[in-house]
Amino acid sequence: MSSTSRAWVVAVTVGAVEALKDQGICRWNYTLRSLHQHAKNHLRSVSQARMLSSQSSAAVWNQLREEKAKQSEESLRTVMYLSCWGPNN
């Protein structure tokens, strides 16, 4: 790209920015900041909810694992009882 065409691109860009300023695009700054802050806060609460969800699912997983261990232990007791005191063939 030649230096003349670069100068034209810069001039057009500066002109476009100045035109947008004149039309009041700067008034959108507060609105955009407000939307950004709202989105940032909302995403933070979503990530916290995910973290809480993962913690609660870990608790459920631990409870299921404990129940399975109890069931396994009870099954072993039954087998031991029957092998010691069950009918002999």
N, C-alpha and C. Protein backbone atom coordinates (compact mmCIF):
# COMPACT_ATOMS: atom_id res chain seq x y z
N MET A 1 0.86 -1.16 0.00
CA MET A 1 0.00 0.00 0.00
C MET A 1 0.91 1.23 0.00
N SER A 2 0.63 2.14 -0.87
CA SER A 2 1.49 3.33 -0.98
C SER A 2 1.17 4.31 0.15
N SER A 3 2.08 5.22 0.37
CA SER A 3 1.91 6.19 1.46
C SER A 3 0.72 7.11 1.21
N THR A 4 0.40 7.38 -0.06
CA THR A 4 -0.75 8.23 -0.37
C THR A 4 -2.06 7.54 0.02
N SER A 5 -2.17 6.26 -0.30
CA SER A 5 -3.40 5.55 0.03
C SER A 5 -3.52 5.36 1.55
N ARG A 6 -2.39 5.16 2.23
CA ARG A 6 -2.42 5.07 3.69
C ARG A 6 -2.91 6.38 4.30
N ALA A 7 -2.44 7.48 3.76
CA ALA A 7 -2.86 8.79 4.25
C ALA A 7 -4.36 8.97 4.06
N TRP A 8 -4.89 8.52 2.92
CA TRP A 8 -6.31 8.61 2.68
C TRP A 8 -7.10 7.75 3.67
N VAL A 9 -6.60 6.56 3.95
CA VAL A 9 -7.28 5.67 4.90
C VAL A 9 -7.32 6.32 6.27
N VAL A 10 -6.21 6.90 6.70
CA VAL A 10 -6.16 7.58 7.99
C VAL A 10 -7.10 8.77 8.02
N ALA A 11 -7.11 9.55 6.94
CA ALA A 11 -7.97 10.73 6.89
C ALA A 11 -9.45 10.34 6.94
N VAL A 12 -9.81 9.30 6.22
CA VAL A 12 -11.21 8.84 6.21
C VAL A 12 -11.59 8.31 7.59
N THR A 13 -10.69 7.57 8.23
CA THR A 13 -10.97 7.04 9.56
C THR A 13 -11.16 8.17 10.57
N VAL A 14 -10.28 9.15 10.55
CA VAL A 14 -10.41 10.28 11.46
C VAL A 14 -11.70 11.04 11.19
N GLY A 15 -12.02 11.22 9.92
CA GLY A 15 -13.27 11.90 9.56
C GLY A 15 -14.49 11.14 10.05
N ALA A 16 -14.45 9.82 9.93
CA ALA A 16 -15.58 9.00 10.39
C ALA A 16 -15.74 9.11 11.90
N VAL A 17 -14.63 9.08 12.62
CA VAL A 17 -14.69 9.19 14.08
C VAL A 17 -15.24 10.55 14.49
N GLU A 18 -14.78 11.60 13.83
CA GLU A 18 -15.28 12.94 14.16
C GLU A 18 -16.76 13.07 13.83
N ALA A 19 -17.19 12.47 12.74
CA ALA A 19 -18.61 12.52 12.38
C ALA A 19 -19.46 11.80 13.42
N LEU A 20 -18.97 10.65 13.88
CA LEU A 20 -19.70 9.91 14.91
C LEU A 20 -19.76 10.69 16.21
N LYS A 21 -18.69 11.39 16.53
CA LYS A 21 -18.70 12.23 17.73
C LYS A 21 -19.76 13.33 17.59
N ASP A 22 -19.82 13.94 16.43
CA ASP A 22 -20.78 15.01 16.20
C ASP A 22 -22.22 14.50 16.29
N GLN A 23 -22.44 13.25 15.94
CA GLN A 23 -23.79 12.70 15.98
C GLN A 23 -24.19 12.26 17.39
N GLY A 24 -23.28 12.32 18.33
CA GLY A 24 -23.63 11.98 19.71
C GLY A 24 -23.31 10.56 20.10
N ILE A 25 -22.41 9.92 19.38
CA ILE A 25 -22.06 8.54 19.72
C ILE A 25 -21.41 8.48 21.11
N CYS A 26 -20.83 9.57 21.56
CA CYS A 26 -20.20 9.59 22.88
C CYS A 26 -21.23 9.44 23.99
N ARG A 27 -22.46 9.80 23.71
CA ARG A 27 -23.51 9.63 24.71
C ARG A 27 -23.78 8.16 24.97
N TRP A 28 -23.39 7.31 24.03
CA TRP A 28 -23.58 5.87 24.20
C TRP A 28 -22.56 5.28 25.18
N ASN A 29 -21.56 6.04 25.50
CA ASN A 29 -20.49 5.54 26.35
C ASN A 29 -21.04 5.05 27.70
N TYR A 30 -21.90 5.84 28.33
CA TYR A 30 -22.47 5.44 29.62
C TYR A 30 -23.30 4.17 29.46
N THR A 31 -24.09 4.10 28.41
CA THR A 31 -24.94 2.93 28.18
C THR A 31 -24.09 1.69 27.97
N LEU A 32 -23.04 1.83 27.17
CA LEU A 32 -22.17 0.68 26.91
C LEU A 32 -21.46 0.24 28.19
N ARG A 33 -20.98 1.19 28.98
CA ARG A 33 -20.33 0.83 30.24
C ARG A 33 -21.31 0.13 31.18
N SER A 34 -22.53 0.64 31.22
CA SER A 34 -23.55 0.04 32.07
C SER A 34 -23.86 -1.39 31.64
N LEU A 35 -24.01 -1.60 30.34
CA LEU A 35 -24.27 -2.94 29.83
C LEU A 35 -23.10 -3.87 30.13
N HIS A 36 -21.90 -3.37 29.95
CA HIS A 36 -20.71 -4.17 30.22
C HIS A 36 -20.67 -4.58 31.69
N GLN A 37 -20.94 -3.66 32.59
CA GLN A 37 -20.92 -3.95 34.02
C GLN A 37 -22.00 -4.97 34.38
N HIS A 38 -23.18 -4.81 33.79
CA HIS A 38 -24.27 -5.76 34.05
C HIS A 38 -23.88 -7.16 33.58
N ALA A 39 -23.32 -7.25 32.38
CA ALA A 39 -22.92 -8.55 31.85
C ALA A 39 -21.82 -9.17 32.70
N LYS A 40 -20.89 -8.35 33.15
CA LYS A 40 -19.79 -8.84 33.98
C LYS A 40 -20.32 -9.39 35.30
N ASN A 41 -21.25 -8.69 35.92
CA ASN A 41 -21.84 -9.16 37.18
C ASN A 41 -22.66 -10.42 36.97
N HIS A 42 -23.40 -10.47 35.86
CA HIS A 42 -24.22 -11.64 35.58
C HIS A 42 -23.35 -12.87 35.35
N LEU A 43 -22.28 -12.72 34.59
CA LEU A 43 -21.40 -13.86 34.33
C LEU A 43 -20.73 -14.32 35.61
N ARG A 44 -20.42 -13.40 36.50
CA ARG A 44 -19.82 -13.79 37.77
C ARG A 44 -20.80 -14.64 38.56
N SER A 45 -22.08 -14.24 38.59
CA SER A 45 -23.06 -15.02 39.35
C SER A 45 -23.29 -16.38 38.69
N VAL A 46 -23.20 -16.46 37.37
CA VAL A 46 -23.35 -17.75 36.68
C VAL A 46 -22.19 -18.66 37.04
N SER A 47 -20.97 -18.11 37.06
CA SER A 47 -19.82 -18.95 37.39
C SER A 47 -19.89 -19.40 38.85
N GLN A 48 -20.38 -18.53 39.74
CA GLN A 48 -20.54 -18.94 41.14
C GLN A 48 -21.60 -20.03 41.25
N ALA A 49 -22.66 -19.92 40.48
CA ALA A 49 -23.70 -20.96 40.51
C ALA A 49 -23.14 -22.28 40.01
N ARG A 50 -22.29 -22.23 38.99
CA ARG A 50 -21.67 -23.47 38.51
C ARG A 50 -20.80 -24.08 39.59
N MET A 51 -20.04 -23.22 40.29
CA MET A 51 -19.16 -23.73 41.33
C MET A 51 -19.99 -24.38 42.43
N LEU A 52 -21.08 -23.72 42.83
CA LEU A 52 -21.94 -24.30 43.86
C LEU A 52 -22.58 -25.58 43.37
N SER A 53 -22.95 -25.61 42.10
CA SER A 53 -23.54 -26.80 41.53
C SER A 53 -22.54 -27.95 41.55
N SER A 54 -21.28 -27.65 41.20
CA SER A 54 -20.28 -28.71 41.20
C SER A 54 -20.00 -29.20 42.63
N GLN A 55 -20.06 -28.28 43.61
CA GLN A 55 -19.87 -28.70 44.99
C GLN A 55 -21.01 -29.58 45.46
N SER A 56 -22.24 -29.22 45.09
CA SER A 56 -23.39 -30.03 45.51
C SER A 56 -23.38 -31.37 44.80
N SER A 57 -22.95 -31.41 43.53
CA SER A 57 -22.88 -32.69 42.83
C SER A 57 -21.79 -33.57 43.43
N ALA A 58 -20.71 -32.96 43.93
CA ALA A 58 -19.67 -33.74 44.61
C ALA A 58 -20.21 -34.33 45.90
N ALA A 59 -21.03 -33.57 46.61
CA ALA A 59 -21.63 -34.08 47.84
C ALA A 59 -22.57 -35.24 47.54
N VAL A 60 -23.36 -35.12 46.49
CA VAL A 60 -24.27 -36.20 46.09
C VAL A 60 -23.46 -37.43 45.69
N TRP A 61 -22.38 -37.21 44.95
CA TRP A 61 -21.52 -38.31 44.52
C TRP A 61 -20.93 -39.03 45.74
N ASN A 62 -20.46 -38.28 46.74
CA ASN A 62 -19.92 -38.89 47.95
C ASN A 62 -20.99 -39.70 48.69
N GLN A 63 -22.19 -39.18 48.75
CA GLN A 63 -23.28 -39.88 49.42
C GLN A 63 -23.60 -41.19 48.69
N LEU A 64 -23.64 -41.15 47.37
CA LEU A 64 -23.90 -42.38 46.61
C LEU A 64 -22.80 -43.40 46.82
N ARG A 65 -21.56 -42.93 46.87
CA ARG A 65 -20.42 -43.82 47.07
C ARG A 65 -20.50 -44.48 48.45
N GLU A 66 -20.89 -43.70 49.47
CA GLU A 66 -21.03 -44.26 50.82
C GLU A 66 -22.14 -45.30 50.87
N GLU A 67 -23.27 -45.01 50.20
CA GLU A 67 -24.37 -45.98 50.17
C GLU A 67 -23.96 -47.27 49.48
N LYS A 68 -23.19 -47.14 48.40
CA LYS A 68 -22.73 -48.33 47.68
C LYS A 68 -21.77 -49.13 48.56
N ALA A 69 -20.91 -48.44 49.30
CA ALA A 69 -19.98 -49.14 50.20
C ALA A 69 -20.76 -49.87 51.29
N LYS A 70 -21.80 -49.24 51.84
CA LYS A 70 -22.62 -49.90 52.87
C LYS A 70 -23.30 -51.14 52.31
N GLN A 71 -23.82 -51.01 51.09
CA GLN A 71 -24.51 -52.13 50.46
C GLN A 71 -23.52 -53.27 50.20
N SER A 72 -22.33 -52.92 49.76
CA SER A 72 -21.30 -53.93 49.51
C SER A 72 -20.90 -54.63 50.80
N GLU A 73 -20.76 -53.88 51.87
CA GLU A 73 -20.41 -54.46 53.17
C GLU A 73 -21.51 -55.39 53.67
N GLU A 74 -22.75 -54.98 53.50
CA GLU A 74 -23.88 -55.81 53.91
C GLU A 74 -23.93 -57.10 53.10
N SER A 75 -23.64 -57.00 51.82
CA SER A 75 -23.61 -58.18 50.96
C SER A 75 -22.51 -59.14 51.40
N LEU A 76 -21.35 -58.62 51.76
CA LEU A 76 -20.25 -59.44 52.24
C LEU A 76 -20.63 -60.12 53.56
N ARG A 77 -21.30 -59.41 54.44
CA ARG A 77 -21.74 -60.00 55.70
C ARG A 77 -22.69 -61.16 55.46
N THR A 78 -23.60 -60.97 54.51
CA THR A 78 -24.56 -62.04 54.20
C THR A 78 -23.84 -63.27 53.68
N VAL A 79 -22.88 -63.07 52.80
CA VAL A 79 -22.13 -64.19 52.25
C VAL A 79 -21.35 -64.90 53.35
N MET A 80 -20.70 -64.12 54.23
CA MET A 80 -19.95 -64.72 55.33
C MET A 80 -20.88 -65.51 56.27
N TYR A 81 -22.03 -64.97 56.58
CA TYR A 81 -22.98 -65.64 57.46
C TYR A 81 -23.44 -66.96 56.85
N LEU A 82 -23.82 -66.91 55.55
CA LEU A 82 -24.31 -68.12 54.91
C LEU A 82 -23.21 -69.17 54.76
N SER A 83 -21.97 -68.71 54.54
CA SER A 83 -20.90 -69.68 54.40
C SER A 83 -20.57 -70.34 55.75
N CYS A 84 -20.77 -69.60 56.84
CA CYS A 84 -20.48 -70.18 58.17
C CYS A 84 -21.67 -70.94 58.74
N TRP A 85 -22.88 -70.42 58.61
CA TRP A 85 -24.04 -70.97 59.28
C TRP A 85 -25.12 -71.51 58.34
N GLY A 86 -24.90 -71.41 57.07
CA GLY A 86 -25.91 -71.85 56.12
C GLY A 86 -26.02 -73.34 56.05
N PRO A 87 -26.96 -73.83 55.23
CA PRO A 87 -27.14 -75.29 55.11
C PRO A 87 -25.90 -75.94 54.47
N ASN A 88 -25.54 -77.08 54.99
CA ASN A 88 -24.41 -77.84 54.43
C ASN A 88 -24.95 -78.92 53.53
N ASN A 89 -24.47 -79.01 52.36
CA ASN A 89 -24.92 -80.06 51.43
C ASN A 89 -23.88 -81.09 51.27
